[in-house]
PDB file of all heavy atoms in Angstrom:
ATOM      1  N   TRP A   1      16.985 -56.602  10.649  1.00  0.00           N
ATOM      2  CA  TRP A   1      16.193 -56.436  11.868  1.00  0.00           C
ATOM      3  C   TRP A   1      16.266 -57.660  12.796  1.00  0.00           C
ATOM      4  O   TRP A   1      16.072 -57.535  14.002  1.00  0.00           O
ATOM      5  CB  TRP A   1      14.726 -56.220  11.493  1.00  0.00           C
ATOM      6  CG  TRP A   1      14.141 -57.323  10.660  1.00  0.00           C
ATOM      7  CD1 TRP A   1      14.117 -57.444   9.324  1.00  0.00           C
ATOM      8  CD2 TRP A   1      13.517 -58.517  11.162  1.00  0.00           C
ATOM      9  NE1 TRP A   1      13.521 -58.596   8.909  1.00  0.00           N
ATOM     10  CE2 TRP A   1      13.138 -59.297  10.012  1.00  0.00           C
ATOM     11  CE3 TRP A   1      13.223 -59.015  12.399  1.00  0.00           C
ATOM     12  CZ2 TRP A   1      12.499 -60.524  10.143  1.00  0.00           C
ATOM     13  CZ3 TRP A   1      12.595 -60.245  12.508  1.00  0.00           C
ATOM     14  CH2 TRP A   1      12.231 -60.988  11.394  1.00  0.00           C
ATOM     15  N   ALA A   2      16.566 -58.810  12.261  1.00  0.00           N
ATOM     16  CA  ALA A   2      16.503 -60.047  13.046  1.00  0.00           C
ATOM     17  C   ALA A   2      17.744 -60.263  13.923  1.00  0.00           C
ATOM     18  O   ALA A   2      17.716 -61.092  14.828  1.00  0.00           O
ATOM     19  CB  ALA A   2      16.330 -61.239  12.133  1.00  0.00           C
ATOM     20  N   TRP A   3      18.811 -59.513  13.639  1.00  0.00           N
ATOM     21  CA  TRP A   3      20.038 -59.716  14.433  1.00  0.00           C
ATOM     22  C   TRP A   3      19.882 -59.019  15.777  1.00  0.00           C
ATOM     23  O   TRP A   3      19.732 -57.783  15.821  1.00  0.00           O
ATOM     24  CB  TRP A   3      21.256 -59.169  13.688  1.00  0.00           C
ATOM     25  CG  TRP A   3      22.536 -59.355  14.406  1.00  0.00           C
ATOM     26  CD1 TRP A   3      23.303 -58.409  15.013  1.00  0.00           C
ATOM     27  CD2 TRP A   3      23.234 -60.600  14.637  1.00  0.00           C
ATOM     28  NE1 TRP A   3      24.408 -58.968  15.586  1.00  0.00           N
ATOM     29  CE2 TRP A   3      24.399 -60.324  15.370  1.00  0.00           C
ATOM     30  CE3 TRP A   3      22.975 -61.932  14.274  1.00  0.00           C
ATOM     31  CZ2 TRP A   3      25.299 -61.302  15.759  1.00  0.00           C
ATOM     32  CZ3 TRP A   3      23.892 -62.912  14.657  1.00  0.00           C
ATOM     33  CH2 TRP A   3      25.031 -62.582  15.375  1.00  0.00           C
ATOM     34  N   PRO A   4      19.958 -59.737  16.913  1.00  0.00           N
ATOM     35  CA  PRO A   4      19.674 -59.103  18.214  1.00  0.00           C
ATOM     36  C   PRO A   4      20.864 -58.374  18.826  1.00  0.00           C
ATOM     37  O   PRO A   4      20.732 -57.745  19.865  1.00  0.00           O
ATOM     38  CB  PRO A   4      19.296 -60.319  19.085  1.00  0.00           C
ATOM     39  CG  PRO A   4      20.064 -61.469  18.486  1.00  0.00           C
ATOM     40  CD  PRO A   4      20.114 -61.186  17.000  1.00  0.00           C
ATOM     41  N   GLY A   5      22.029 -58.439  18.174  1.00  0.00           N
ATOM     42  CA  GLY A   5      23.206 -57.783  18.733  1.00  0.00           C
ATOM     43  C   GLY A   5      24.039 -58.722  19.583  1.00  0.00           C
ATOM     44  O   GLY A   5      23.563 -59.759  20.055  1.00  0.00           O
ATOM     45  N   CYS A   6      25.286 -58.338  19.743  1.00  0.00           N
ATOM     46  CA  CYS A   6      26.238 -59.127  20.557  1.00  0.00           C
ATOM     47  C   CYS A   6      26.583 -58.297  21.760  1.00  0.00           C
ATOM     48  O   CYS A   6      27.167 -57.229  21.647  1.00  0.00           O
ATOM     49  CB  CYS A   6      27.475 -59.451  19.721  1.00  0.00           C
ATOM     50  SG  CYS A   6      28.752 -60.383  20.600  1.00  0.00           S
ATOM     51  N   HIS A   7      26.218 -58.785  22.956  1.00  0.00           N
ATOM     52  CA  HIS A   7      26.326 -57.991  24.175  1.00  0.00           C
ATOM     53  C   HIS A   7      27.278 -58.638  25.184  1.00  0.00           C
ATOM     54  O   HIS A   7      27.259 -59.849  25.358  1.00  0.00           O
ATOM     55  CB  HIS A   7      24.954 -57.789  24.793  1.00  0.00           C
ATOM     56  CG  HIS A   7      23.950 -57.184  23.869  1.00  0.00           C
ATOM     57  ND1 HIS A   7      23.969 -55.865  23.537  1.00  0.00           N
ATOM     58  CD2 HIS A   7      22.932 -57.752  23.154  1.00  0.00           C
ATOM     59  CE1 HIS A   7      22.978 -55.597  22.700  1.00  0.00           C
ATOM     60  NE2 HIS A   7      22.332 -56.746  22.420  1.00  0.00           N
ATOM     61  N   ALA A   8      28.072 -57.814  25.828  1.00  0.00           N
ATOM     62  CA  ALA A   8      28.960 -58.295  26.871  1.00  0.00           C
ATOM     63  C   ALA A   8      28.155 -58.810  28.059  1.00  0.00           C
ATOM     64  O   ALA A   8      27.138 -58.238  28.431  1.00  0.00           O
ATOM     65  CB  ALA A   8      29.903 -57.181  27.316  1.00  0.00           C
ATOM     66  N   VAL A   9      28.610 -59.919  28.626  1.00  0.00           N
ATOM     67  CA  VAL A   9      27.955 -60.495  29.805  1.00  0.00           C
ATOM     68  C   VAL A   9      28.576 -59.861  31.048  1.00  0.00           C
ATOM     69  O   VAL A   9      29.804 -59.816  31.197  1.00  0.00           O
ATOM     70  CB  VAL A   9      28.127 -62.041  29.832  1.00  0.00           C
ATOM     71  CG1 VAL A   9      27.561 -62.608  31.123  1.00  0.00           C
ATOM     72  CG2 VAL A   9      27.480 -62.659  28.612  1.00  0.00           C
ATOM     73  N   GLY A  10      27.729 -59.378  31.943  1.00  0.00           N
ATOM     74  CA  GLY A  10      28.234 -58.748  33.164  1.00  0.00           C
ATOM     75  C   GLY A  10      27.448 -59.202  34.371  1.00  0.00           C
ATOM     76  O   GLY A  10      26.542 -60.052  34.285  1.00  0.00           O
ATOM     77  N   ASP A  11      27.810 -58.652  35.508  1.00  0.00           N
ATOM     78  CA  ASP A  11      27.087 -58.965  36.760  1.00  0.00           C
ATOM     79  C   ASP A  11      25.760 -58.244  36.777  1.00  0.00           C
ATOM     80  O   ASP A  11      25.549 -57.195  36.121  1.00  0.00           O
ATOM     81  CB  ASP A  11      27.926 -58.536  37.961  1.00  0.00           C
ATOM     82  CG  ASP A  11      29.224 -59.339  38.083  1.00  0.00           C
ATOM     83  OD1 ASP A  11      29.235 -60.493  37.663  1.00  0.00           O
ATOM     84  OD2 ASP A  11      30.214 -58.784  38.603  1.00  0.00           O
ATOM     85  N   VAL A  12      24.837 -58.770  37.568  1.00  0.00           N
ATOM     86  CA  VAL A  12      23.541 -58.116  37.778  1.00  0.00           C
ATOM     87  C   VAL A  12      23.737 -56.964  38.724  1.00  0.00           C
ATOM     88  O   VAL A  12      24.252 -57.109  39.845  1.00  0.00           O
ATOM     89  CB  VAL A  12      22.500 -59.104  38.364  1.00  0.00           C
ATOM     90  CG1 VAL A  12      21.197 -58.408  38.672  1.00  0.00           C
ATOM     91  CG2 VAL A  12      22.263 -60.270  37.399  1.00  0.00           C
ATOM     92  N   GLU A  13      23.385 -55.765  38.282  1.00  0.00           N
ATOM     93  CA  GLU A  13      23.503 -54.583  39.124  1.00  0.00           C
ATOM     94  C   GLU A  13      22.269 -54.461  39.995  1.00  0.00           C
ATOM     95  O   GLU A  13      21.136 -54.505  39.519  1.00  0.00           O
ATOM     96  CB  GLU A  13      23.667 -53.328  38.262  1.00  0.00           C
ATOM     97  CG  GLU A  13      23.934 -52.087  39.082  1.00  0.00           C
ATOM     98  CD  GLU A  13      24.205 -50.873  38.212  1.00  0.00           C
ATOM     99  OE1 GLU A  13      24.228 -51.032  36.963  1.00  0.00           O
ATOM    100  OE2 GLU A  13      24.379 -49.765  38.761  1.00  0.00           O
ATOM    101  N   VAL A  14      22.480 -54.307  41.289  1.00  0.00           N
ATOM    102  CA  VAL A  14      21.388 -54.213  42.253  1.00  0.00           C
ATOM    103  C   VAL A  14      21.492 -52.885  43.013  1.00  0.00           C
ATOM    104  O   VAL A  14      22.539 -52.593  43.587  1.00  0.00           O
ATOM    105  CB  VAL A  14      21.399 -55.387  43.257  1.00  0.00           C
ATOM    106  CG1 VAL A  14      20.248 -55.275  44.245  1.00  0.00           C
ATOM    107  CG2 VAL A  14      21.314 -56.723  42.501  1.00  0.00           C
ATOM    108  N   LEU A  15      20.430 -52.121  42.973  1.00  0.00           N
ATOM    109  CA  LEU A  15      20.390 -50.831  43.691  1.00  0.00           C
ATOM    110  C   LEU A  15      19.498 -50.959  44.911  1.00  0.00           C
ATOM    111  O   LEU A  15      18.543 -51.740  44.914  1.00  0.00           O
ATOM    112  CB  LEU A  15      19.829 -49.745  42.766  1.00  0.00           C
ATOM    113  CG  LEU A  15      20.611 -49.498  41.454  1.00  0.00           C
ATOM    114  CD1 LEU A  15      19.902 -48.416  40.619  1.00  0.00           C
ATOM    115  CD2 LEU A  15      22.038 -49.069  41.768  1.00  0.00           C
ATOM    116  N   PRO A  16      19.785 -50.198  45.958  1.00  0.00           N
ATOM    117  CA  PRO A  16      18.953 -50.298  47.176  1.00  0.00           C
ATOM    118  C   PRO A  16      17.567 -49.733  46.920  1.00  0.00           C
ATOM    119  O   PRO A  16      17.349 -48.891  46.058  1.00  0.00           O
ATOM    120  CB  PRO A  16      19.700 -49.421  48.185  1.00  0.00           C
ATOM    121  CG  PRO A  16      20.523 -48.497  47.344  1.00  0.00           C
ATOM    122  CD  PRO A  16      20.911 -49.258  46.132  1.00  0.00           C
ATOM    123  N   LEU A  17      16.607 -50.259  47.679  1.00  0.00           N
ATOM    124  CA  LEU A  17      15.255 -49.729  47.592  1.00  0.00           C
ATOM    125  C   LEU A  17      15.211 -48.287  48.060  1.00  0.00           C
ATOM    126  O   LEU A  17      15.980 -47.882  48.934  1.00  0.00           O
ATOM    127  CB  LEU A  17      14.316 -50.557  48.475  1.00  0.00           C
ATOM    128  CG  LEU A  17      13.929 -51.954  47.979  1.00  0.00           C
ATOM    129  CD1 LEU A  17      13.149 -52.679  49.051  1.00  0.00           C
ATOM    130  CD2 LEU A  17      13.079 -51.864  46.719  1.00  0.00           C
ATOM    131  N   PRO A  18      14.328 -47.468  47.483  1.00  0.00           N
ATOM    132  CA  PRO A  18      14.141 -46.119  48.023  1.00  0.00           C
ATOM    133  C   PRO A  18      13.734 -46.187  49.480  1.00  0.00           C
ATOM    134  O   PRO A  18      13.093 -47.136  49.932  1.00  0.00           O
ATOM    135  CB  PRO A  18      13.025 -45.542  47.138  1.00  0.00           C
ATOM    136  CG  PRO A  18      13.035 -46.362  45.904  1.00  0.00           C
ATOM    137  CD  PRO A  18      13.483 -47.724  46.311  1.00  0.00           C
ATOM    138  N   ASP A  19      14.085 -45.125  50.247  1.00  0.00           N
ATOM    139  CA  ASP A  19      13.806 -45.109  51.691  1.00  0.00           C
ATOM    140  C   ASP A  19      12.346 -45.363  52.011  1.00  0.00           C
ATOM    141  O   ASP A  19      12.007 -46.049  52.967  1.00  0.00           O
ATOM    142  CB  ASP A  19      14.245 -43.774  52.286  1.00  0.00           C
ATOM    143  CG  ASP A  19      15.754 -43.636  52.297  1.00  0.00           C
ATOM    144  OD1 ASP A  19      16.445 -44.671  52.198  1.00  0.00           O
ATOM    145  OD2 ASP A  19      16.246 -42.486  52.410  1.00  0.00           O
ATOM    146  N   GLY A  20      11.447 -44.821  51.178  1.00  0.00           N
ATOM    147  CA  GLY A  20      10.024 -44.966  51.468  1.00  0.00           C
ATOM    148  C   GLY A  20       9.533 -46.396  51.354  1.00  0.00           C
ATOM    149  O   GLY A  20       8.443 -46.710  51.837  1.00  0.00           O
ATOM    150  N   LEU A  21      10.303 -47.256  50.669  1.00  0.00           N
ATOM    151  CA  LEU A  21       9.855 -48.645  50.508  1.00  0.00           C
ATOM    152  C   LEU A  21      10.598 -49.595  51.453  1.00  0.00           C
ATOM    153  O   LEU A  21      10.322 -50.790  51.439  1.00  0.00           O
ATOM    154  CB  LEU A  21      10.067 -49.093  49.074  1.00  0.00           C
ATOM    155  CG  LEU A  21       9.086 -48.552  48.033  1.00  0.00           C
ATOM    156  CD1 LEU A  21       9.452 -49.050  46.650  1.00  0.00           C
ATOM    157  CD2 LEU A  21       7.670 -48.964  48.376  1.00  0.00           C
ATOM    158  N   THR A  22      11.536 -49.082  52.227  1.00  0.00           N
ATOM    159  CA  THR A  22      12.216 -49.951  53.177  1.00  0.00           C
ATOM    160  C   THR A  22      11.309 -50.192  54.367  1.00  0.00           C
ATOM    161  O   THR A  22      10.979 -49.259  55.098  1.00  0.00           O
ATOM    162  CB  THR A  22      13.514 -49.309  53.648  1.00  0.00           C
ATOM    163  OG1 THR A  22      14.337 -49.034  52.517  1.00  0.00           O
ATOM    164  CG2 THR A  22      14.279 -50.239  54.587  1.00  0.00           C
ATOM    165  N   PRO A  23      10.814 -51.408  54.530  1.00  0.00           N
ATOM    166  CA  PRO A  23       9.756 -51.629  55.553  1.00  0.00           C
ATOM    167  C   PRO A  23      10.327 -51.560  56.981  1.00  0.00           C
ATOM    168  O   PRO A  23      11.457 -51.875  57.245  1.00  0.00           O
ATOM    169  CB  PRO A  23       9.279 -53.055  55.257  1.00  0.00           C
ATOM    170  CG  PRO A  23      10.474 -53.710  54.606  1.00  0.00           C
ATOM    171  CD  PRO A  23      11.159 -52.628  53.827  1.00  0.00           C
ATOM    172  N   ILE A  24       9.440 -51.108  57.891  1.00  0.00           N
ATOM    173  CA  ILE A  24       9.754 -51.179  59.309  1.00  0.00           C
ATOM    174  C   ILE A  24       9.418 -52.575  59.783  1.00  0.00           C
ATOM    175  O   ILE A  24       8.269 -53.022  59.707  1.00  0.00           O
ATOM    176  CB  ILE A  24       8.924 -50.128  60.091  1.00  0.00           C
ATOM    177  CG1 ILE A  24       9.249 -48.730  59.575  1.00  0.00           C
ATOM    178  CG2 ILE A  24       9.184 -50.260  61.586  1.00  0.00           C
ATOM    179  CD1 ILE A  24       8.380 -47.648  60.189  1.00  0.00           C
ATOM    180  N   GLN A  25      10.411 -53.315  60.198  1.00  0.00           N
ATOM    181  CA  GLN A  25      10.195 -54.687  60.538  1.00  0.00           C
ATOM    182  C   GLN A  25       9.477 -54.818  61.889  1.00  0.00           C
ATOM    183  O   GLN A  25       9.845 -54.165  62.878  1.00  0.00           O
ATOM    184  CB  GLN A  25      11.548 -55.444  60.613  1.00  0.00           C
ATOM    185  CG  GLN A  25      12.266 -55.498  59.285  1.00  0.00           C
ATOM    186  CD  GLN A  25      11.505 -56.270  58.235  1.00  0.00           C
ATOM    187  OE1 GLN A  25      10.730 -57.190  58.550  1.00  0.00           O
ATOM    188  NE2 GLN A  25      11.681 -55.916  56.968  1.00  0.00           N
ATOM    189  N   PRO A  26       8.425 -55.646  61.966  1.00  0.00           N
ATOM    190  CA  PRO A  26       7.769 -55.866  63.245  1.00  0.00           C
ATOM    191  C   PRO A  26       8.662 -56.629  64.224  1.00  0.00           C
ATOM    192  O   PRO A  26       9.590 -57.296  63.821  1.00  0.00           O
ATOM    193  CB  PRO A  26       6.542 -56.709  62.861  1.00  0.00           C
ATOM    194  CG  PRO A  26       6.940 -57.417  61.603  1.00  0.00           C
ATOM    195  CD  PRO A  26       7.851 -56.478  60.878  1.00  0.00           C
ATOM    196  N   ILE A  27       8.358 -56.451  65.494  1.00  0.00           N
ATOM    197  CA  ILE A  27       9.146 -57.178  66.525  1.00  0.00           C
ATOM    198  C   ILE A  27       8.555 -58.589  66.651  1.00  0.00           C
ATOM    199  O   ILE A  27       7.377 -58.741  67.006  1.00  0.00           O
ATOM    200  CB  ILE A  27       9.049 -56.439  67.873  1.00  0.00           C
ATOM    201  CG1 ILE A  27       9.640 -55.037  67.715  1.00  0.00           C
ATOM    202  CG2 ILE A  27       9.795 -57.211  68.959  1.00  0.00           C
ATOM    203  CD1 ILE A  27       9.467 -54.181  68.962  1.00  0.00           C
ATOM    204  N   PRO A  28       9.327 -59.624  66.373  1.00  0.00           N
ATOM    205  CA  PRO A  28       8.795 -60.975  66.423  1.00  0.00           C
ATOM    206  C   PRO A  28       8.398 -61.368  67.861  1.00  0.00           C
ATOM    207  O   PRO A  28       8.958 -60.896  68.841  1.00  0.00           O
ATOM    208  CB  PRO A  28       9.977 -61.857  65.972  1.00  0.00           C
ATOM    209  CG  PRO A  28      10.919 -60.896  65.288  1.00  0.00           C
ATOM    210  CD  PRO A  28      10.729 -59.592  65.959  1.00  0.00           C
ATOM    211  N   SER A  29       7.376 -62.182  67.947  1.00  0.00           N
ATOM    212  CA  SER A  29       6.980 -62.740  69.243  1.00  0.00           C
ATOM    213  C   SER A  29       6.437 -64.128  68.999  1.00  0.00           C
ATOM    214  O   SER A  29       5.966 -64.450  67.891  1.00  0.00           O
ATOM    215  CB  SER A  29       5.939 -61.851  69.928  1.00  0.00           C
ATOM    216  OG  SER A  29       4.772 -61.677  69.112  1.00  0.00           O
ATOM    217  N   LYS A  30       6.460 -64.973  70.011  1.00  0.00           N
ATOM    218  CA  LYS A  30       6.088 -66.369  69.835  1.00  0.00           C
ATOM    219  C   LYS A  30       4.683 -66.646  70.346  1.00  0.00           C
ATOM    220  O   LYS A  30       4.233 -66.093  71.341  1.00  0.00           O
ATOM    221  CB  LYS A  30       7.091 -67.272  70.566  1.00  0.00           C
ATOM    222  CG  LYS A  30       8.480 -67.243  70.018  1.00  0.00           C
ATOM    223  CD  LYS A  30       9.378 -68.238  70.688  1.00  0.00           C
ATOM    224  CE  LYS A  30      10.810 -68.215  70.109  1.00  0.00           C
ATOM    225  NZ  LYS A  30      10.827 -68.535  68.680  1.00  0.00           N
ATOM    226  N   ASN A  31       3.985 -67.488  69.589  1.00  0.00           N
ATOM    227  CA  ASN A  31       2.677 -68.007  69.990  1.00  0.00           C
ATOM    228  C   ASN A  31       2.493 -69.299  69.225  1.00  0.00           C
ATOM    229  O   ASN A  31       2.051 -69.290  68.073  1.00  0.00           O
ATOM    230  CB  ASN A  31       1.577 -66.998  69.665  1.00  0.00           C
ATOM    231  CG  ASN A  31       0.207 -67.480  70.105  1.00  0.00           C
ATOM    232  OD1 ASN A  31      -0.074 -68.682  70.167  1.00  0.00           O
ATOM    233  ND2 ASN A  31      -0.677 -66.532  70.426  1.00  0.00           N
ATOM    234  N   PRO A  32       2.895 -70.428  69.793  1.00  0.00           N
ATOM    235  CA  PRO A  32       2.875 -71.697  69.050  1.00  0.00           C
ATOM    236  C   PRO A  32       1.514 -72.029  68.433  1.00  0.00           C
ATOM    237  O   PRO A  32       1.432 -72.560  67.327  1.00  0.00           O
ATOM    238  CB  PRO A  32       3.269 -72.733  70.107  1.00  0.00           C
ATOM    239  CG  PRO A  32       4.054 -71.940  71.091  1.00  0.00           C
ATOM    240  CD  PRO A  32       3.427 -70.589  71.136  1.00  0.00           C
ATOM    241  N   GLU A  33       0.422 -71.707  69.161  1.00  0.00           N
ATOM    242  CA  GLU A  33      -0.909 -72.020  68.657  1.00  0.00           C
ATOM    243  C   GLU A  33      -1.196 -71.202  67.398  1.00  0.00           C
ATOM    244  O   GLU A  33      -1.698 -71.735  66.411  1.00  0.00           O
ATOM    245  CB  GLU A  33      -1.959 -71.730  69.717  1.00  0.00           C
ATOM    246  CG  GLU A  33      -3.354 -72.130  69.291  1.00  0.00           C
ATOM    247  CD  GLU A  33      -4.392 -71.874  70.368  1.00  0.00           C
ATOM    248  OE1 GLU A  33      -4.016 -71.489  71.503  1.00  0.00           O
ATOM    249  OE2 GLU A  33      -5.597 -72.062  70.090  1.00  0.00           O
ATOM    250  N   MET A  34      -0.875 -69.904  67.429  1.00  0.00           N
ATOM    251  CA  MET A  34      -1.115 -69.050  66.268  1.00  0.00           C
ATOM    252  C   MET A  34      -0.221 -69.454  65.106  1.00  0.00           C
ATOM    253  O   MET A  34      -0.644 -69.468  63.929  1.00  0.00           O
ATOM    254  CB  MET A  34      -0.885 -67.585  66.633  1.00  0.00           C
ATOM    255  CG  MET A  34      -1.102 -66.601  65.482  1.00  0.00           C
ATOM    256  SD  MET A  34      -2.800 -66.617  64.840  1.00  0.00           S
ATOM    257  CE  MET A  34      -3.640 -65.766  66.188  1.00  0.00           C
ATOM    258  N   ALA A  35       1.053 -69.801  65.419  1.00  0.00           N
ATOM    259  CA  ALA A  35       1.977 -70.236  64.368  1.00  0.00           C
ATOM    260  C   ALA A  35       1.444 -71.484  63.667  1.00  0.00           C
ATOM    261  O   ALA A  35       1.462 -71.594  62.435  1.00  0.00           O
ATOM    262  CB  ALA A  35       3.338 -70.497  64.952  1.00  0.00           C
ATOM    263  N   GLY A  36       0.950 -72.433  64.471  1.00  0.00           N
ATOM    264  CA  GLY A  36       0.396 -73.663  63.883  1.00  0.00           C
ATOM    265  C   GLY A  36      -0.821 -73.377  63.006  1.00  0.00           C
ATOM    266  O   GLY A  36      -1.006 -73.973  61.938  1.00  0.00           O
ATOM    267  N   PHE A  37      -1.678 -72.459  63.487  1.00  0.00           N
ATOM    268  CA  PHE A  37      -2.875 -72.082  62.719  1.00  0.00           C
ATOM    269  C   PHE A  37      -2.520 -71.486  61.358  1.00  0.00           C
ATOM    270  O   PHE A  37      -3.050 -71.858  60.309  1.00  0.00           O
ATOM    271  CB  PHE A  37      -3.720 -71.111  63.550  1.00  0.00           C
ATOM    272  CG  PHE A  37      -4.916 -70.566  62.810  1.00  0.00           C
ATOM    273  CD1 PHE A  37      -6.021 -71.374  62.550  1.00  0.00           C
ATOM    274  CD2 PHE A  37      -4.934 -69.269  62.369  1.00  0.00           C
ATOM    275  CE1 PHE A  37      -7.132 -70.880  61.874  1.00  0.00           C
ATOM    276  CE2 PHE A  37      -6.004 -68.757  61.681  1.00  0.00           C
ATOM    277  CZ  PHE A  37      -7.128 -69.555  61.427  1.00  0.00           C
ATOM    278  N   ILE A  38      -1.561 -70.541  61.378  1.00  0.00           N
ATOM    279  CA  ILE A  38      -1.159 -69.894  60.111  1.00  0.00           C
ATOM    280  C   ILE A  38      -0.528 -70.904  59.179  1.00  0.00           C
ATOM    281  O   ILE A  38      -0.798 -70.913  57.956  1.00  0.00           O
ATOM    282  CB  ILE A  38      -0.182 -68.751  60.404  1.00  0.00           C
ATOM    283  CG1 ILE A  38      -0.940 -67.606  61.133  1.00  0.00           C
ATOM    284  CG2 ILE A  38       0.440 -68.219  59.125  1.00  0.00           C
ATOM    285  CD1 ILE A  38      -0.020 -66.477  61.575  1.00  0.00           C
ATOM    286  N   LYS A  39       0.282 -71.793  59.693  1.00  0.00           N
ATOM    287  CA  LYS A  39       0.955 -72.791  58.857  1.00  0.00           C
ATOM    288  C   LYS A  39      -0.087 -73.708  58.185  1.00  0.00           C
ATOM    289  O   LYS A  39       0.033 -74.030  56.989  1.00  0.00           O
ATOM    290  CB  LYS A  39       1.921 -73.632  59.693  1.00  0.00           C
ATOM    291  CG  LYS A  39       3.176 -72.908  60.112  1.00  0.00           C
ATOM    292  CD  LYS A  39       4.069 -73.789  60.985  1.00  0.00           C
ATOM    293  CE  LYS A  39       5.321 -73.056  61.420  1.00  0.00           C
ATOM    294  NZ  LYS A  39       6.176 -73.897  62.293  1.00  0.00           N
TER     295      LYS A  39
END
């Protein structure tokens, strides 16, 4: 039971997020005072 097995090393497989989780990106806008406050 203690032997964990010998496994081939491969690349990390990455799949795209489902459509429902792909966020709608907001339109950036500038406000130095607000940016400073958040920071």
